């Protein structure tokens, strides 16, 4: 028997299994992604996103954002386009996007800056993302409990994330971060 096919399958399984360094935490409409950024044994959560599309604002998690120029955190359910515009510039699509995407983005109400992205639909905030280690560079967004009593800057440890969101519905390893 030729051991080469068996060794190749075993090697592929080890290689693919070893790529699962990304931890995904799900809590309701919130998803957080983390991986070892500084110390190999500890995942730091660098991307937190809340997908509330098609849901009423009262289904937003009880969290807040501390914008860099704000004197206090602003709860998700208090975010409006006019409030958000005080702290973030309007979202401008990247030049490499196809024209159809740019046209669609120009009709939407969204803001982006400093590792924070907020998109609005008629009923209120529909998609919120905070990212400290994303493709446009390093940022230090701050996520807080709705009353602002607990705040953590991203990237945040698992313990810090749980302090903000409570016990998650699910924690798992994934092969990639989906945006």
Protein backbone atom coordinates (compact mmCIF):
# COMPACT_ATOMS: atom_id res chain seq x y z
CA UNK A 1 0.00 0.00 0.00
CA UNK A 2 1.29 3.42 -0.95
CA UNK A 3 1.26 5.66 2.18
CA UNK A 4 1.56 8.87 0.14
CA UNK A 5 -2.21 9.49 -0.34
CA UNK A 6 -2.87 8.87 3.36
CA UNK A 7 -0.03 11.19 4.37
CA UNK A 8 -1.26 13.85 1.93
CA UNK A 9 -4.79 13.70 3.40
CA UNK A 10 -3.44 13.81 6.94
CA UNK A 11 -1.20 16.76 6.07
CA UNK A 12 -4.08 18.63 4.43
CA UNK A 13 -6.30 18.01 7.48
CA UNK A 14 -3.60 19.30 9.82
CA UNK A 15 -2.94 22.32 7.62
CA UNK A 16 -6.61 23.24 7.27
CA UNK A 17 -7.30 22.56 10.94
CA UNK A 18 -4.37 24.76 11.88
CA UNK A 19 -5.84 27.72 9.97
CA UNK A 20 -8.74 28.07 12.39
CA UNK A 21 -7.21 30.74 14.59
CA UNK A 22 -10.18 33.08 14.31
CA UNK A 23 -12.65 32.97 17.17
CA UNK A 24 -16.24 34.00 16.44
CA UNK A 25 -18.62 35.03 19.22
CA UNK A 26 -22.34 35.35 18.49
CA UNK A 27 -24.76 37.05 20.88
CA UNK A 28 -28.12 37.83 19.31
CA UNK A 29 -27.51 40.17 16.36
CA UNK A 30 -23.93 40.84 17.50
CA UNK A 31 -20.93 39.02 16.07
CA UNK A 32 -17.35 39.54 17.22
CA UNK A 33 -14.17 38.19 15.64
CA UNK A 34 -10.89 37.73 17.44
CA UNK A 35 -7.56 36.06 17.04
CA UNK A 36 -4.17 36.11 18.71
CA UNK A 37 -2.77 39.54 17.84
CA UNK A 38 -0.08 39.94 20.47
CA UNK A 39 0.15 36.83 22.63
CA UNK A 40 -0.32 33.49 20.87
CA UNK A 41 -2.52 32.01 23.59
CA UNK A 42 -5.09 34.82 23.90
CA UNK A 43 -7.58 35.96 21.29
CA UNK A 44 -8.22 39.68 21.11
CA UNK A 45 -11.52 40.71 19.56
CA UNK A 46 -10.87 43.38 16.94
CA UNK A 47 -14.14 43.40 14.98
CA UNK A 48 -17.59 43.75 16.53
CA UNK A 49 -20.59 44.10 14.25
CA UNK A 50 -24.29 44.41 14.92
CA UNK A 51 -26.60 43.51 12.06
CA UNK A 52 -30.03 44.92 12.86
CA UNK A 53 -31.23 45.19 9.25
CA UNK A 54 -34.98 44.81 8.97
CA UNK A 55 -35.47 44.85 12.73
CA UNK A 56 -36.85 47.60 14.97
CA UNK A 57 -34.36 49.73 16.94
CA UNK A 58 -35.54 48.19 20.22
CA UNK A 59 -33.82 44.97 19.12
CA UNK A 60 -30.40 46.64 19.18
CA UNK A 61 -28.16 45.28 21.94
CA UNK A 62 -27.87 47.54 25.00
CA UNK A 63 -24.50 48.98 24.01
CA UNK A 64 -22.98 52.36 23.23
CA UNK A 65 -20.14 53.86 21.20
CA UNK A 66 -17.73 56.39 22.60
CA UNK A 67 -16.86 58.52 19.60
CA UNK A 68 -13.39 60.10 19.83
CA UNK A 69 -14.73 63.68 20.06
CA UNK A 70 -17.72 62.84 22.29
CA UNK A 71 -17.65 63.58 26.00
CA UNK A 72 -19.74 60.51 26.81
CA UNK A 73 -20.78 57.24 25.14
CA UNK A 74 -23.88 57.33 22.95
CA UNK A 75 -26.25 54.37 23.20
CA UNK A 76 -27.02 52.52 19.99
CA UNK A 77 -30.73 53.26 20.33
CA UNK A 78 -29.95 57.00 20.57
CA UNK A 79 -27.98 57.06 17.31
CA UNK A 80 -29.55 59.09 14.54
CA UNK A 81 -28.00 60.36 11.32
CA UNK A 82 -27.71 63.88 12.75
CA UNK A 83 -26.05 62.67 15.97
CA UNK A 84 -23.66 60.37 14.10
CA UNK A 85 -22.76 63.13 11.60
CA UNK A 86 -21.37 65.20 14.50
CA UNK A 87 -18.65 62.60 15.02
CA UNK A 88 -18.14 60.72 11.75
CA UNK A 89 -17.88 61.77 8.11
CA UNK A 90 -20.33 60.43 5.58
CA UNK A 91 -19.28 57.11 4.07
CA UNK A 92 -17.56 57.50 0.71
CA UNK A 93 -17.28 54.33 -1.39
CA UNK A 94 -13.76 53.31 -2.38
CA UNK A 95 -12.78 54.30 -5.94
CA UNK A 96 -12.28 50.66 -6.97
CA UNK A 97 -15.94 49.81 -6.36
CA UNK A 98 -18.06 49.22 -9.46
CA UNK A 99 -20.25 52.18 -10.46
CA UNK A 100 -23.45 50.31 -9.57
CA UNK A 101 -22.23 49.83 -5.98
CA UNK A 102 -21.17 53.47 -5.76
CA UNK A 103 -24.58 54.59 -6.99
CA UNK A 104 -26.36 52.42 -4.43
CA UNK A 105 -24.07 53.67 -1.63
CA UNK A 106 -24.76 57.29 -2.59
CA UNK A 107 -28.48 56.73 -1.89
CA UNK A 108 -27.84 55.29 1.58
CA UNK A 109 -27.22 57.02 4.88
CA UNK A 110 -23.95 55.76 6.32
CA UNK A 111 -20.98 57.16 8.23
CA UNK A 112 -17.46 55.86 8.65
CA UNK A 113 -14.32 56.93 10.45
CA UNK A 114 -11.85 55.90 13.12
CA UNK A 115 -12.74 52.22 12.91
CA UNK A 116 -16.49 52.88 13.27
CA UNK A 117 -19.15 52.33 10.60
CA UNK A 118 -22.84 53.12 11.12
CA UNK A 119 -25.51 52.50 8.47
CA UNK A 120 -29.08 53.71 8.83
CA UNK A 121 -32.39 52.54 7.42
CA UNK A 122 -35.73 54.29 7.93
CA UNK A 123 -36.26 52.71 11.36
CA UNK A 124 -32.82 53.64 12.72
CA UNK A 125 -29.34 52.10 12.91
CA UNK A 126 -29.34 48.93 10.85
CA UNK A 127 -25.66 47.97 10.80
CA UNK A 128 -22.94 49.04 13.21
CA UNK A 129 -19.34 47.86 13.07
CA UNK A 130 -16.31 48.69 15.19
CA UNK A 131 -12.92 47.50 13.98
CA UNK A 132 -9.46 48.08 15.41
CA UNK A 133 -7.41 46.00 12.94
CA UNK A 134 -9.02 46.36 9.53
CA UNK A 135 -7.77 46.94 6.02
CA UNK A 136 -7.65 50.74 6.27
CA UNK A 137 -5.29 50.72 9.25
CA UNK A 138 -5.29 50.56 13.03
CA UNK A 139 -7.93 52.32 15.10
CA UNK A 140 -9.07 52.38 18.71
CA UNK A 141 -12.88 52.33 18.74
CA UNK A 142 -14.50 52.10 22.17
CA UNK A 143 -17.55 49.96 22.91
CA UNK A 144 -19.51 50.52 26.13
CA UNK A 145 -22.54 49.26 27.96
CA UNK A 146 -25.60 51.39 27.17
CA UNK A 147 -25.26 53.40 30.39
CA UNK A 148 -21.53 53.93 29.82
CA UNK A 149 -20.53 52.33 33.12
CA UNK A 150 -18.23 49.80 31.41
CA UNK A 151 -16.15 50.63 28.33
CA UNK A 152 -13.47 48.70 26.47
CA UNK A 153 -11.27 49.80 23.62
CA UNK A 154 -10.87 47.36 20.75
CA UNK A 155 -9.11 45.00 20.50
CA UNK A 156 -10.69 43.59 23.66
CA UNK A 157 -10.10 40.34 25.53
CA UNK A 158 -12.79 37.67 25.69
CA UNK A 159 -13.43 38.60 29.33
CA UNK A 160 -13.84 42.27 28.41
CA UNK A 161 -16.20 41.39 25.58
CA UNK A 162 -18.35 39.27 27.91
CA UNK A 163 -18.39 42.13 30.42
CA UNK A 164 -20.02 44.24 27.68
CA UNK A 165 -22.37 41.76 26.00
CA UNK A 166 -23.05 39.13 28.65
CA UNK A 167 -22.89 35.40 27.99
CA UNK A 168 -22.72 34.66 24.26
CA UNK A 169 -25.11 32.37 22.41
CA UNK A 170 -22.24 30.65 20.64
CA UNK A 171 -18.43 30.66 20.50
CA UNK A 172 -16.62 28.84 17.73
CA UNK A 173 -13.52 28.75 15.58
CA UNK A 174 -13.87 29.82 11.97
CA UNK A 175 -11.50 29.80 9.02
CA UNK A 176 -12.06 33.40 8.01
CA UNK A 177 -13.67 36.67 9.01
CA UNK A 178 -16.75 37.54 6.99
CA UNK A 179 -17.50 41.24 6.69
